[in-house]
């Protein structure tokens, strides 16, 4: 798919940036670039509330979503849920890396500070 070379803003999550390779928002995976989709195409959906897979046509919103026949909750395709889970794992990984960086930086800074005081104490 041809990607635009300029940044777009997602109207759902307000993310500004380039779309991913499918033309979707890089954060929430919703379509940014209008794509011709067959409304009569039947897709496989997954309802998170019922933990139930079903086959249905997508709704008229332009997203790959449909109402669950059991509970009526709007459900997405399994691919959407996989991308959502991957995005959440990436966010947790970045948070963990930041925490480790702060801890290591604090340790090294404290060690450097104490060694500086010890070195200064030898001069007095």
PDB file of N, CA and C in Angstrom:
ATOM      1  N   UNK A   1       0.836  -1.174   0.000  1.00  0.00           N
ATOM      2  CA  UNK A   1       0.000   0.000   0.000  1.00  0.00           C
ATOM      3  C   UNK A   1       0.883   1.241   0.000  1.00  0.00           C
ATOM      4  N   UNK A   2       0.489   2.251  -0.716  1.00  0.00           N
ATOM      5  CA  UNK A   2       1.272   3.484  -0.763  1.00  0.00           C
ATOM      6  C   UNK A   2       1.006   4.297   0.491  1.00  0.00           C
ATOM      7  N   UNK A   3       2.072   4.628   1.198  1.00  0.00           N
ATOM      8  CA  UNK A   3       1.945   5.430   2.401  1.00  0.00           C
ATOM      9  C   UNK A   3       2.152   6.897   2.056  1.00  0.00           C
ATOM     10  N   UNK A   4       1.409   7.789   2.708  1.00  0.00           N
ATOM     11  CA  UNK A   4       1.703   9.204   2.525  1.00  0.00           C
ATOM     12  C   UNK A   4       3.030   9.546   3.186  1.00  0.00           C
ATOM     13  N   UNK A   5       3.740  10.519   2.622  1.00  0.00           N
ATOM     14  CA  UNK A   5       5.041  10.894   3.185  1.00  0.00           C
ATOM     15  C   UNK A   5       4.918  12.008   4.210  1.00  0.00           C
ATOM     16  N   UNK A   6       3.702  12.366   4.601  1.00  0.00           N
ATOM     17  CA  UNK A   6       3.516  13.381   5.622  1.00  0.00           C
ATOM     18  C   UNK A   6       2.765  12.770   6.803  1.00  0.00           C
ATOM     19  N   UNK A   7       2.904  13.416   7.954  1.00  0.00           N
ATOM     20  CA  UNK A   7       2.287  12.901   9.167  1.00  0.00           C
ATOM     21  C   UNK A   7       0.778  13.108   9.126  1.00  0.00           C
ATOM     22  N   UNK A   8       0.063  12.166   9.698  1.00  0.00           N
ATOM     23  CA  UNK A   8      -1.382  12.256   9.827  1.00  0.00           C
ATOM     24  C   UNK A   8      -1.737  12.192  11.304  1.00  0.00           C
ATOM     25  N   UNK A   9      -2.901  12.726  11.663  1.00  0.00           N
ATOM     26  CA  UNK A   9      -3.357  12.654  13.045  1.00  0.00           C
ATOM     27  C   UNK A   9      -4.526  11.698  13.131  1.00  0.00           C
ATOM     28  N   UNK A  10      -4.438  10.772  14.075  1.00  0.00           N
ATOM     29  CA  UNK A  10      -5.524   9.823  14.293  1.00  0.00           C
ATOM     30  C   UNK A  10      -6.632  10.536  15.064  1.00  0.00           C
ATOM     31  N   UNK A  11      -7.844  10.416  14.592  1.00  0.00           N
ATOM     32  CA  UNK A  11      -8.950  11.120  15.241  1.00  0.00           C
ATOM     33  C   UNK A  11      -9.422  10.406  16.494  1.00  0.00           C
ATOM     34  N   UNK A  12      -8.938   9.186  16.751  1.00  0.00           N
ATOM     35  CA  UNK A  12      -9.353   8.458  17.952  1.00  0.00           C
ATOM     36  C   UNK A  12      -8.376   8.699  19.094  1.00  0.00           C
ATOM     37  N   UNK A  13      -7.089   8.408  18.878  1.00  0.00           N
ATOM     38  CA  UNK A  13      -6.114   8.511  19.971  1.00  0.00           C
ATOM     39  C   UNK A  13      -5.258   9.778  19.888  1.00  0.00           C
ATOM     40  N   UNK A  14      -5.473  10.592  18.866  1.00  0.00           N
ATOM     41  CA  UNK A  14      -4.755  11.871  18.675  1.00  0.00           C
ATOM     42  C   UNK A  14      -3.253  11.693  18.447  1.00  0.00           C
ATOM     43  N   UNK A  15      -2.844  10.507  17.979  1.00  0.00           N
ATOM     44  CA  UNK A  15      -1.441  10.251  17.668  1.00  0.00           C
ATOM     45  C   UNK A  15      -1.101  10.942  16.358  1.00  0.00           C
ATOM     46  N   UNK A  16       0.000  11.691  16.347  1.00  0.00           N
ATOM     47  CA  UNK A  16       0.467  12.332  15.120  1.00  0.00           C
ATOM     48  C   UNK A  16       1.715  11.605  14.657  1.00  0.00           C
ATOM     49  N   UNK A  17       1.681  11.132  13.421  1.00  0.00           N
ATOM     50  CA  UNK A  17       2.838  10.424  12.892  1.00  0.00           C
ATOM     51  C   UNK A  17       2.495   9.728  11.601  1.00  0.00           C
ATOM     52  N   UNK A  18       3.470   8.990  11.107  1.00  0.00           N
ATOM     53  CA  UNK A  18       3.270   8.246   9.878  1.00  0.00           C
ATOM     54  C   UNK A  18       2.479   6.979  10.163  1.00  0.00           C
ATOM     55  N   UNK A  19       1.603   6.580   9.245  1.00  0.00           N
ATOM     56  CA  UNK A  19       0.870   5.333   9.453  1.00  0.00           C
ATOM     57  C   UNK A  19       1.789   4.131   9.299  1.00  0.00           C
ATOM     58  N   UNK A  20       1.334   2.978   9.821  1.00  0.00           N
ATOM     59  CA  UNK A  20       2.132   1.760   9.650  1.00  0.00           C
ATOM     60  C   UNK A  20       1.993   1.253   8.216  1.00  0.00           C
ATOM     61  N   UNK A  21       2.568   0.083   7.939  1.00  0.00           N
ATOM     62  CA  UNK A  21       2.617  -0.407   6.563  1.00  0.00           C
ATOM     63  C   UNK A  21       1.242  -0.718   5.985  1.00  0.00           C
ATOM     64  N   UNK A  22       0.224  -0.889   6.840  1.00  0.00           N
ATOM     65  CA  UNK A  22      -1.130  -1.156   6.353  1.00  0.00           C
ATOM     66  C   UNK A  22      -1.963   0.109   6.217  1.00  0.00           C
ATOM     67  N   UNK A  23      -1.404   1.266   6.532  1.00  0.00           N
ATOM     68  CA  UNK A  23      -2.149   2.518   6.480  1.00  0.00           C
ATOM     69  C   UNK A  23      -2.940   2.789   7.740  1.00  0.00           C
ATOM     70  N   UNK A  24      -2.626   2.062   8.815  1.00  0.00           N
ATOM     71  CA  UNK A  24      -3.333   2.237  10.081  1.00  0.00           C
ATOM     72  C   UNK A  24      -2.506   3.093  11.032  1.00  0.00           C
ATOM     73  N   UNK A  25      -3.180   3.608  12.060  1.00  0.00           N
ATOM     74  CA  UNK A  25      -2.504   4.381  13.099  1.00  0.00           C
ATOM     75  C   UNK A  25      -1.474   3.487  13.780  1.00  0.00           C
ATOM     76  N   UNK A  26      -0.284   3.996  13.999  1.00  0.00           N
ATOM     77  CA  UNK A  26       0.790   3.196  14.595  1.00  0.00           C
ATOM     78  C   UNK A  26       0.513   2.890  16.060  1.00  0.00           C
ATOM     79  N   UNK A  27      -0.355   3.662  16.735  1.00  0.00           N
ATOM     80  CA  UNK A  27      -0.632   3.420  18.147  1.00  0.00           C
ATOM     81  C   UNK A  27      -1.873   2.557  18.358  1.00  0.00           C
ATOM     82  N   UNK A  28      -3.017   2.962  17.792  1.00  0.00           N
ATOM     83  CA  UNK A  28      -4.262   2.238  18.078  1.00  0.00           C
ATOM     84  C   UNK A  28      -4.687   1.296  16.961  1.00  0.00           C
ATOM     85  N   UNK A  29      -3.974   1.261  15.861  1.00  0.00           N
ATOM     86  CA  UNK A  29      -4.205   0.339  14.748  1.00  0.00           C
ATOM     87  C   UNK A  29      -5.515   0.584  14.002  1.00  0.00           C
ATOM     88  N   UNK A  30      -6.099   1.756  14.127  1.00  0.00           N
ATOM     89  CA  UNK A  30      -7.300   2.094  13.366  1.00  0.00           C
ATOM     90  C   UNK A  30      -6.891   2.685  12.026  1.00  0.00           C
ATOM     91  N   UNK A  31      -7.714   2.502  10.986  1.00  0.00           N
ATOM     92  CA  UNK A  31      -7.348   3.001   9.651  1.00  0.00           C
ATOM     93  C   UNK A  31      -7.260   4.526   9.600  1.00  0.00           C
ATOM     94  N   UNK A  32      -6.161   5.018   9.048  1.00  0.00           N
ATOM     95  CA  UNK A  32      -6.000   6.448   8.805  1.00  0.00           C
ATOM     96  C   UNK A  32      -6.233   6.771   7.337  1.00  0.00           C
ATOM     97  N   UNK A  33      -5.832   5.862   6.477  1.00  0.00           N
ATOM     98  CA  UNK A  33      -5.935   6.066   5.050  1.00  0.00           C
ATOM     99  C   UNK A  33      -7.208   5.373   4.563  1.00  0.00           C
ATOM    100  N   UNK A  34      -8.073   6.090   3.840  1.00  0.00           N
ATOM    101  CA  UNK A  34      -9.300   5.430   3.373  1.00  0.00           C
ATOM    102  C   UNK A  34      -8.966   4.264   2.452  1.00  0.00           C
ATOM    103  N   UNK A  35      -9.562   3.132   2.729  1.00  0.00           N
ATOM    104  CA  UNK A  35      -9.317   1.918   1.962  1.00  0.00           C
ATOM    105  C   UNK A  35     -10.659   1.408   1.462  1.00  0.00           C
ATOM    106  N   UNK A  36     -10.683   0.995   0.212  1.00  0.00           N
ATOM    107  CA  UNK A  36     -11.906   0.413  -0.332  1.00  0.00           C
ATOM    108  C   UNK A  36     -12.060  -0.983   0.229  1.00  0.00           C
ATOM    109  N   UNK A  37     -13.098  -1.173   1.056  1.00  0.00           N
ATOM    110  CA  UNK A  37     -13.358  -2.469   1.651  1.00  0.00           C
ATOM    111  C   UNK A  37     -14.731  -2.931   1.212  1.00  0.00           C
ATOM    112  N   UNK A  38     -14.834  -4.185   0.920  1.00  0.00           N
ATOM    113  CA  UNK A  38     -16.098  -4.777   0.509  1.00  0.00           C
ATOM    114  C   UNK A  38     -16.986  -4.936   1.743  1.00  0.00           C
ATOM    115  N   UNK A  39     -18.120  -4.225   1.830  1.00  0.00           N
ATOM    116  CA  UNK A  39     -18.961  -4.333   3.023  1.00  0.00           C
ATOM    117  C   UNK A  39     -19.627  -5.698   3.155  1.00  0.00           C
ATOM    118  N   UNK A  40     -19.695  -6.463   2.063  1.00  0.00           N
ATOM    119  CA  UNK A  40     -20.329  -7.770   2.118  1.00  0.00           C
ATOM    120  C   UNK A  40     -19.349  -8.888   2.469  1.00  0.00           C
ATOM    121  N   UNK A  41     -18.070  -8.538   2.614  1.00  0.00           N
ATOM    122  CA  UNK A  41     -17.071  -9.552   2.948  1.00  0.00           C
ATOM    123  C   UNK A  41     -17.291 -10.026   4.384  1.00  0.00           C
ATOM    124  N   UNK A  42     -17.312 -11.343   4.568  1.00  0.00           N
ATOM    125  CA  UNK A  42     -17.472 -11.886   5.903  1.00  0.00           C
ATOM    126  C   UNK A  42     -16.100 -12.116   6.518  1.00  0.00           C
ATOM    127  N   UNK A  43     -15.938 -11.622   7.724  1.00  0.00           N
ATOM    128  CA  UNK A  43     -14.671 -11.717   8.442  1.00  0.00           C
ATOM    129  C   UNK A  43     -14.881 -12.476   9.742  1.00  0.00           C
ATOM    130  N   UNK A  44     -13.789 -12.958  10.279  1.00  0.00           N
ATOM    131  CA  UNK A  44     -13.815 -13.635  11.574  1.00  0.00           C
ATOM    132  C   UNK A  44     -13.542 -12.594  12.649  1.00  0.00           C
ATOM    133  N   UNK A  45     -14.383 -12.535  13.670  1.00  0.00           N
ATOM    134  CA  UNK A  45     -14.259 -11.574  14.759  1.00  0.00           C
ATOM    135  C   UNK A  45     -14.095 -12.317  16.075  1.00  0.00           C
ATOM    136  N   UNK A  46     -13.592 -11.577  17.078  1.00  0.00           N
ATOM    137  CA  UNK A  46     -13.422 -12.133  18.418  1.00  0.00           C
ATOM    138  C   UNK A  46     -14.034 -11.180  19.429  1.00  0.00           C
ATOM    139  N   UNK A  47     -14.952 -11.693  20.235  1.00  0.00           N
ATOM    140  CA  UNK A  47     -15.564 -10.899  21.299  1.00  0.00           C
ATOM    141  C   UNK A  47     -14.767 -11.122  22.576  1.00  0.00           C
ATOM    142  N   UNK A  48     -14.224 -10.059  23.125  1.00  0.00           N
ATOM    143  CA  UNK A  48     -13.422 -10.149  24.344  1.00  0.00           C
ATOM    144  C   UNK A  48     -14.314 -10.447  25.541  1.00  0.00           C
ATOM    145  N   UNK A  49     -15.506  -9.887  25.565  1.00  0.00           N
ATOM    146  CA  UNK A  49     -16.412 -10.070  26.698  1.00  0.00           C
ATOM    147  C   UNK A  49     -16.862 -11.537  26.820  1.00  0.00           C
ATOM    148  N   UNK A  50     -17.254 -12.146  25.697  1.00  0.00           N
ATOM    149  CA  UNK A  50     -17.759 -13.531  25.704  1.00  0.00           C
ATOM    150  C   UNK A  50     -16.658 -14.562  25.473  1.00  0.00           C
ATOM    151  N   UNK A  51     -15.483 -14.087  25.051  1.00  0.00           N
ATOM    152  CA  UNK A  51     -14.397 -14.973  24.633  1.00  0.00           C
ATOM    153  C   UNK A  51     -14.917 -15.938  23.567  1.00  0.00           C
ATOM    154  N   UNK A  52     -15.468 -15.341  22.511  1.00  0.00           N
ATOM    155  CA  UNK A  52     -16.199 -16.084  21.495  1.00  0.00           C
ATOM    156  C   UNK A  52     -15.786 -15.601  20.107  1.00  0.00           C
ATOM    157  N   UNK A  53     -15.479 -16.536  19.206  1.00  0.00           N
ATOM    158  CA  UNK A  53     -15.197 -16.214  17.813  1.00  0.00           C
ATOM    159  C   UNK A  53     -16.489 -16.346  17.009  1.00  0.00           C
ATOM    160  N   UNK A  54     -16.702 -15.439  16.062  1.00  0.00           N
ATOM    161  CA  UNK A  54     -17.864 -15.531  15.191  1.00  0.00           C
ATOM    162  C   UNK A  54     -17.524 -14.930  13.838  1.00  0.00           C
ATOM    163  N   UNK A  55     -18.316 -15.279  12.832  1.00  0.00           N
ATOM    164  CA  UNK A  55     -18.133 -14.777  11.476  1.00  0.00           C
ATOM    165  C   UNK A  55     -19.292 -13.842  11.177  1.00  0.00           C
ATOM    166  N   UNK A  56     -18.974 -12.651  10.674  1.00  0.00           N
ATOM    167  CA  UNK A  56     -20.010 -11.662  10.358  1.00  0.00           C
ATOM    168  C   UNK A  56     -19.460 -10.674   9.339  1.00  0.00           C
ATOM    169  N   UNK A  57     -20.345  -9.844   8.838  1.00  0.00           N
ATOM    170  CA  UNK A  57     -19.933  -8.736   7.975  1.00  0.00           C
ATOM    171  C   UNK A  57     -19.543  -7.556   8.849  1.00  0.00           C
ATOM    172  N   UNK A  58     -18.590  -6.754   8.382  1.00  0.00           N
ATOM    173  CA  UNK A  58     -18.188  -5.570   9.145  1.00  0.00           C
ATOM    174  C   UNK A  58     -19.314  -4.552   9.135  1.00  0.00           C
ATOM    175  N   UNK A  59     -19.334  -3.685  10.133  1.00  0.00           N
ATOM    176  CA  UNK A  59     -20.381  -2.664  10.193  1.00  0.00           C
ATOM    177  C   UNK A  59     -20.067  -1.520   9.242  1.00  0.00           C
ATOM    178  N   UNK A  60     -20.902  -0.505   9.231  1.00  0.00           N
ATOM    179  CA  UNK A  60     -20.744   0.605   8.281  1.00  0.00           C
ATOM    180  C   UNK A  60     -19.806   1.696   8.778  1.00  0.00           C
ATOM    181  N   UNK A  61     -19.095   1.474   9.890  1.00  0.00           N
ATOM    182  CA  UNK A  61     -18.223   2.515  10.442  1.00  0.00           C
ATOM    183  C   UNK A  61     -16.922   2.657   9.653  1.00  0.00           C
ATOM    184  N   UNK A  62     -16.583   1.672   8.826  1.00  0.00           N
ATOM    185  CA  UNK A  62     -15.323   1.717   8.101  1.00  0.00           C
ATOM    186  C   UNK A  62     -14.218   0.961   8.797  1.00  0.00           C
ATOM    187  N   UNK A  63     -14.472   0.528  10.032  1.00  0.00           N
ATOM    188  CA  UNK A  63     -13.502  -0.259  10.775  1.00  0.00           C
ATOM    189  C   UNK A  63     -13.851  -1.729  10.633  1.00  0.00           C
ATOM    190  N   UNK A  64     -12.882  -2.579  10.869  1.00  0.00           N
ATOM    191  CA  UNK A  64     -13.142  -4.016  10.860  1.00  0.00           C
ATOM    192  C   UNK A  64     -13.695  -4.403  12.224  1.00  0.00           C
ATOM    193  N   UNK A  65     -14.970  -4.114  12.427  1.00  0.00           N
ATOM    194  CA  UNK A  65     -15.627  -4.441  13.679  1.00  0.00           C
ATOM    195  C   UNK A  65     -17.070  -4.834  13.398  1.00  0.00           C
ATOM    196  N   UNK A  66     -17.639  -5.597  14.302  1.00  0.00           N
ATOM    197  CA  UNK A  66     -19.025  -6.037  14.174  1.00  0.00           C
ATOM    198  C   UNK A  66     -19.556  -6.310  15.571  1.00  0.00           C
ATOM    199  N   UNK A  67     -20.874  -6.257  15.707  1.00  0.00           N
ATOM    200  CA  UNK A  67     -21.509  -6.529  16.999  1.00  0.00           C
ATOM    201  C   UNK A  67     -21.522  -8.026  17.258  1.00  0.00           C
ATOM    202  N   UNK A  68     -21.192  -8.405  18.478  1.00  0.00           N
ATOM    203  CA  UNK A  68     -21.209  -9.816  18.871  1.00  0.00           C
ATOM    204  C   UNK A  68     -22.656 -10.307  18.882  1.00  0.00           C
ATOM    205  N   UNK A  69     -22.935 -11.477  18.288  1.00  0.00           N
ATOM    206  CA  UNK A  69     -24.315 -11.969  18.295  1.00  0.00           C
ATOM    207  C   UNK A  69     -24.791 -12.411  19.671  1.00  0.00           C
ATOM    208  N   UNK A  70     -23.879 -12.648  20.613  1.00  0.00           N
ATOM    209  CA  UNK A  70     -24.270 -13.103  21.949  1.00  0.00           C
ATOM    210  C   UNK A  70     -24.569 -11.923  22.869  1.00  0.00           C
ATOM    211  N   UNK A  71     -23.614 -10.976  22.970  1.00  0.00           N
ATOM    212  CA  UNK A  71     -23.773  -9.874  23.930  1.00  0.00           C
ATOM    213  C   UNK A  71     -23.997  -8.519  23.269  1.00  0.00           C
ATOM    214  N   UNK A  72     -23.734  -8.391  21.982  1.00  0.00           N
ATOM    215  CA  UNK A  72     -23.935  -7.125  21.283  1.00  0.00           C
ATOM    216  C   UNK A  72     -22.769  -6.161  21.374  1.00  0.00           C
ATOM    217  N   UNK A  73     -21.699  -6.537  22.085  1.00  0.00           N
ATOM    218  CA  UNK A  73     -20.526  -5.676  22.224  1.00  0.00           C
ATOM    219  C   UNK A  73     -19.793  -5.589  20.889  1.00  0.00           C
ATOM    220  N   UNK A  74     -19.258  -4.398  20.566  1.00  0.00           N
ATOM    221  CA  UNK A  74     -18.494  -4.259  19.328  1.00  0.00           C
ATOM    222  C   UNK A  74     -17.208  -5.057  19.437  1.00  0.00           C
ATOM    223  N   UNK A  75     -16.973  -5.906  18.456  1.00  0.00           N
ATOM    224  CA  UNK A  75     -15.819  -6.795  18.471  1.00  0.00           C
ATOM    225  C   UNK A  75     -14.956  -6.521  17.249  1.00  0.00           C
ATOM    226  N   UNK A  76     -13.674  -6.812  17.390  1.00  0.00           N
ATOM    227  CA  UNK A  76     -12.713  -6.615  16.311  1.00  0.00           C
ATOM    228  C   UNK A  76     -12.186  -7.955  15.828  1.00  0.00           C
ATOM    229  N   UNK A  77     -11.417  -7.895  14.749  1.00  0.00           N
ATOM    230  CA  UNK A  77     -10.823  -9.110  14.200  1.00  0.00           C
ATOM    231  C   UNK A  77      -9.709  -9.590  15.126  1.00  0.00           C
ATOM    232  N   UNK A  78      -9.379 -10.884  15.084  1.00  0.00           N
ATOM    233  CA  UNK A  78      -8.264 -11.386  15.906  1.00  0.00           C
ATOM    234  C   UNK A  78      -6.946 -10.678  15.606  1.00  0.00           C
ATOM    235  N   UNK A  79      -6.730 -10.259  14.342  1.00  0.00           N
ATOM    236  CA  UNK A  79      -5.499  -9.533  14.005  1.00  0.00           C
ATOM    237  C   UNK A  79      -5.410  -8.220  14.770  1.00  0.00           C
ATOM    238  N   UNK A  80      -6.544  -7.531  14.925  1.00  0.00           N
ATOM    239  CA  UNK A  80      -6.552  -6.275  15.680  1.00  0.00           C
ATOM    240  C   UNK A  80      -6.139  -6.538  17.118  1.00  0.00           C
ATOM    241  N   UNK A  81      -6.668  -7.600  17.731  1.00  0.00           N
ATOM    242  CA  UNK A  81      -6.335  -7.906  19.118  1.00  0.00           C
ATOM    243  C   UNK A  81      -4.867  -8.304  19.258  1.00  0.00           C
ATOM    244  N   UNK A  82      -4.318  -9.006  18.250  1.00  0.00           N
ATOM    245  CA  UNK A  82      -2.899  -9.348  18.284  1.00  0.00           C
ATOM    246  C   UNK A  82      -2.031  -8.097  18.221  1.00  0.00           C
ATOM    247  N   UNK A  83      -2.385  -7.153  17.348  1.00  0.00           N
ATOM    248  CA  UNK A  83      -1.626  -5.903  17.249  1.00  0.00           C
ATOM    249  C   UNK A  83      -1.771  -5.081  18.526  1.00  0.00           C
ATOM    250  N   UNK A  84      -2.961  -5.093  19.110  1.00  0.00           N
ATOM    251  CA  UNK A  84      -3.191  -4.367  20.360  1.00  0.00           C
ATOM    252  C   UNK A  84      -2.329  -4.950  21.478  1.00  0.00           C
ATOM    253  N   UNK A  85      -2.286  -6.268  21.580  1.00  0.00           N
ATOM    254  CA  UNK A  85      -1.472  -6.920  22.612  1.00  0.00           C
ATOM    255  C   UNK A  85       0.013  -6.639  22.389  1.00  0.00           C
ATOM    256  N   UNK A  86       0.443  -6.653  21.130  1.00  0.00           N
ATOM    257  CA  UNK A  86       1.853  -6.358  20.835  1.00  0.00           C
ATOM    258  C   UNK A  86       2.190  -4.916  21.213  1.00  0.00           C
ATOM    259  N   UNK A  87       1.283  -3.990  20.942  1.00  0.00           N
ATOM    260  CA  UNK A  87       1.509  -2.596  21.322  1.00  0.00           C
ATOM    261  C   UNK A  87       1.598  -2.425  22.829  1.00  0.00           C
ATOM    262  N   UNK A  88       0.751  -3.151  23.576  1.00  0.00           N
ATOM    263  CA  UNK A  88       0.800  -3.066  25.031  1.00  0.00           C
ATOM    264  C   UNK A  88       2.095  -3.673  25.578  1.00  0.00           C
ATOM    265  N   UNK A  89       2.543  -4.781  24.981  1.00  0.00           N
ATOM    266  CA  UNK A  89       3.820  -5.373  25.408  1.00  0.00           C
ATOM    267  C   UNK A  89       4.973  -4.418  25.145  1.00  0.00           C
ATOM    268  N   UNK A  90       4.932  -3.742  24.003  1.00  0.00           N
ATOM    269  CA  UNK A  90       5.988  -2.791  23.672  1.00  0.00           C
ATOM    270  C   UNK A  90       6.009  -1.635  24.660  1.00  0.00           C
ATOM    271  N   UNK A  91       4.832  -1.149  25.041  1.00  0.00           N
ATOM    272  CA  UNK A  91       4.746  -0.057  26.015  1.00  0.00           C
ATOM    273  C   UNK A  91       5.296  -0.497  27.368  1.00  0.00           C
ATOM    274  N   UNK A  92       4.923  -1.711  27.810  1.00  0.00           N
ATOM    275  CA  UNK A  92       5.445  -2.221  29.084  1.00  0.00           C
ATOM    276  C   UNK A  92       6.952  -2.398  29.020  1.00  0.00           C
ATOM    277  N   UNK A  93       7.463  -2.851  27.883  1.00  0.00           N
ATOM    278  CA  UNK A  93       8.900  -3.039  27.721  1.00  0.00           C
ATOM    279  C   UNK A  93       9.636  -1.703  27.820  1.00  0.00           C
ATOM    280  N   UNK A  94       9.072  -0.683  27.179  1.00  0.00           N
ATOM    281  CA  UNK A  94       9.704   0.643  27.256  1.00  0.00           C
ATOM    282  C   UNK A  94       9.679   1.171  28.681  1.00  0.00           C
ATOM    283  N   UNK A  95       8.585   0.942  29.402  1.00  0.00           N
ATOM    284  CA  UNK A  95       8.492   1.386  30.795  1.00  0.00           C
ATOM    285  C   UNK A  95       9.539   0.678  31.648  1.00  0.00           C
ATOM    286  N   UNK A  96       9.707  -0.631  31.433  1.00  0.00           N
ATOM    287  CA  UNK A  96      10.693  -1.402  32.177  1.00  0.00           C
ATOM    288  C   UNK A  96      12.106  -0.908  31.875  1.00  0.00           C
ATOM    289  N   UNK A  97      12.380  -0.620  30.608  1.00  0.00           N
ATOM    290  CA  UNK A  97      13.699  -0.126  30.233  1.00  0.00           C
ATOM    291  C   UNK A  97      13.974   1.229  30.885  1.00  0.00           C
ATOM    292  N   UNK A  98      12.976   2.098  30.925  1.00  0.00           N
ATOM    293  CA  UNK A  98      13.147   3.404  31.560  1.00  0.00           C
ATOM    294  C   UNK A  98      13.407   3.247  33.048  1.00  0.00           C
ATOM    295  N   UNK A  99      12.673   2.354  33.698  1.00  0.00           N
ATOM    296  CA  UNK A  99      12.885   2.114  35.120  1.00  0.00           C
ATOM    297  C   UNK A  99      14.295   1.604  35.384  1.00  0.00           C
ATOM    298  N   UNK A 100      14.764   0.665  34.573  1.00  0.00           N
ATOM    299  CA  UNK A 100      16.114   0.141  34.747  1.00  0.00           C
ATOM    300  C   UNK A 100      17.165   1.228  34.502  1.00  0.00           C
ATOM    301  N   UNK A 101      16.935   2.069  33.516  1.00  0.00           N
ATOM    302  CA  UNK A 101      17.862   3.159  33.239  1.00  0.00           C
ATOM    303  C   UNK A 101      17.939   4.116  34.425  1.00  0.00           C
ATOM    304  N   UNK A 102      16.808   4.429  35.034  1.00  0.00           N
ATOM    305  CA  UNK A 102      16.801   5.314  36.201  1.00  0.00           C
ATOM    306  C   UNK A 102      17.536   4.665  37.372  1.00  0.00           C
ATOM    307  N   UNK A 103      17.287   3.370  37.584  1.00  0.00           N
ATOM    308  CA  UNK A 103      17.946   2.684  38.700  1.00  0.00           C
ATOM    309  C   UNK A 103      19.462   2.615  38.509  1.00  0.00           C
ATOM    310  N   UNK A 104      19.905   2.252  37.323  1.00  0.00           N
ATOM    311  CA  UNK A 104      21.342   2.170  37.053  1.00  0.00           C
ATOM    312  C   UNK A 104      21.967   3.562  37.124  1.00  0.00           C
ATOM    313  N   UNK A 105      21.288   4.551  36.568  1.00  0.00           N
ATOM    314  CA  UNK A 105      21.807   5.921  36.624  1.00  0.00           C
ATOM    315  C   UNK A 105      21.923   6.433  38.048  1.00  0.00           C
ATOM    316  N   UNK A 106      20.934   6.116  38.874  1.00  0.00           N
ATOM    317  CA  UNK A 106      20.985   6.524  40.281  1.00  0.00           C
ATOM    318  C   UNK A 106      22.146   5.849  41.000  1.00  0.00           C
ATOM    319  N   UNK A 107      22.321   4.553  40.743  1.00  0.00           N
ATOM    320  CA  UNK A 107      23.421   3.826  41.370  1.00  0.00           C
ATOM    321  C   UNK A 107      24.773   4.398  40.949  1.00  0.00           C
ATOM    322  N   UNK A 108      24.950   4.601  39.641  1.00  0.00           N
ATOM    323  CA  UNK A 108      26.228   5.128  39.161  1.00  0.00           C
ATOM    324  C   UNK A 108      26.462   6.556  39.646  1.00  0.00           C
ATOM    325  N   UNK A 109      25.413   7.366  39.661  1.00  0.00           N
ATOM    326  CA  UNK A 109      25.556   8.738  40.139  1.00  0.00           C
ATOM    327  C   UNK A 109      25.921   8.793  41.606  1.00  0.00           C
ATOM    328  N   UNK A 110      25.279   7.948  42.415  1.00  0.00           N
ATOM    329  CA  UNK A 110      25.589   7.906  43.845  1.00  0.00           C
ATOM    330  C   UNK A 110      27.017   7.420  44.072  1.00  0.00           C
ATOM    331  N   UNK A 111      27.412   6.397  43.355  1.00  0.00           N
ATOM    332  CA  UNK A 111      28.779   5.881  43.483  1.00  0.00           C
ATOM    333  C   UNK A 111      29.797   6.942  43.096  1.00  0.00           C
ATOM    334  N   UNK A 112      29.548   7.632  42.020  1.00  0.00           N
ATOM    335  CA  UNK A 112      30.461   8.692  41.578  1.00  0.00           C
ATOM    336  C   UNK A 112      30.515   9.817  42.593  1.00  0.00           C
ATOM    337  N   UNK A 113      29.385  10.173  43.166  1.00  0.00           N
ATOM    338  CA  UNK A 113      29.336  11.257  44.138  1.00  0.00           C
ATOM    339  C   UNK A 113      30.115  10.888  45.401  1.00  0.00           C
ATOM    340  N   UNK A 114      29.915   9.666  45.912  1.00  0.00           N
ATOM    341  CA  UNK A 114      30.648   9.245  47.106  1.00  0.00           C
ATOM    342  C   UNK A 114      32.146   9.138  46.847  1.00  0.00           C
ATOM    343  N   UNK A 115      32.530   8.658  45.675  1.00  0.00           N
ATOM    344  CA  UNK A 115      33.958   8.577  45.385  1.00  0.00           C
ATOM    345  C   UNK A 115      34.553   9.973  45.247  1.00  0.00           C
ATOM    346  N   UNK A 116      33.784  10.931  44.747  1.00  0.00           N
ATOM    347  CA  UNK A 116      34.255  12.308  44.664  1.00  0.00           C
ATOM    348  C   UNK A 116      34.458  12.885  46.061  1.00  0.00           C
ATOM    349  N   UNK A 117      33.507  12.645  46.989  1.00  0.00           N
ATOM    350  CA  UNK A 117      33.650  13.128  48.363  1.00  0.00           C
ATOM    351  C   UNK A 117      34.850  12.466  49.054  1.00  0.00           C
ATOM    352  N   UNK A 118      35.050  11.172  48.813  1.00  0.00           N
ATOM    353  CA  UNK A 118      36.176  10.480  49.413  1.00  0.00           C
ATOM    354  C   UNK A 118      37.491  11.046  48.882  1.00  0.00           C
ATOM    355  N   UNK A 119      37.543  11.353  47.586  1.00  0.00           N
ATOM    356  CA  UNK A 119      38.744  11.930  47.000  1.00  0.00           C
ATOM    357  C   UNK A 119      39.001  13.328  47.562  1.00  0.00           C
ATOM    358  N   UNK A 120      37.922  14.135  47.717  1.00  0.00           N
ATOM    359  CA  UNK A 120      38.069  15.468  48.303  1.00  0.00           C
ATOM    360  C   UNK A 120      38.511  15.392  49.760  1.00  0.00           C
ATOM    361  N   UNK A 121      38.068  14.380  50.495  1.00  0.00           N
ATOM    362  CA  UNK A 121      38.438  14.240  51.901  1.00  0.00           C
ATOM    363  C   UNK A 121      39.928  13.960  52.059  1.00  0.00           C
ATOM    364  N   UNK A 122      40.559  13.345  51.067  1.00  0.00           N
ATOM    365  CA  UNK A 122      42.005  13.096  51.161  1.00  0.00           C
ATOM    366  C   UNK A 122      42.801  14.382  51.003  1.00  0.00           C
ATOM    367  N   UNK A 123      42.229  15.397  50.402  1.00  0.00           N
ATOM    368  CA  UNK A 123      42.933  16.664  50.216  1.00  0.00           C
ATOM    369  C   UNK A 123      42.870  17.575  51.427  1.00  0.00           C
ATOM    370  N   UNK A 124      41.921  17.337  52.319  1.00  0.00           N
ATOM    371  CA  UNK A 124      41.795  18.210  53.505  1.00  0.00           C
ATOM    372  C   UNK A 124      42.464  17.625  54.655  1.00  0.00           C
TER     373      UNK A 124
END
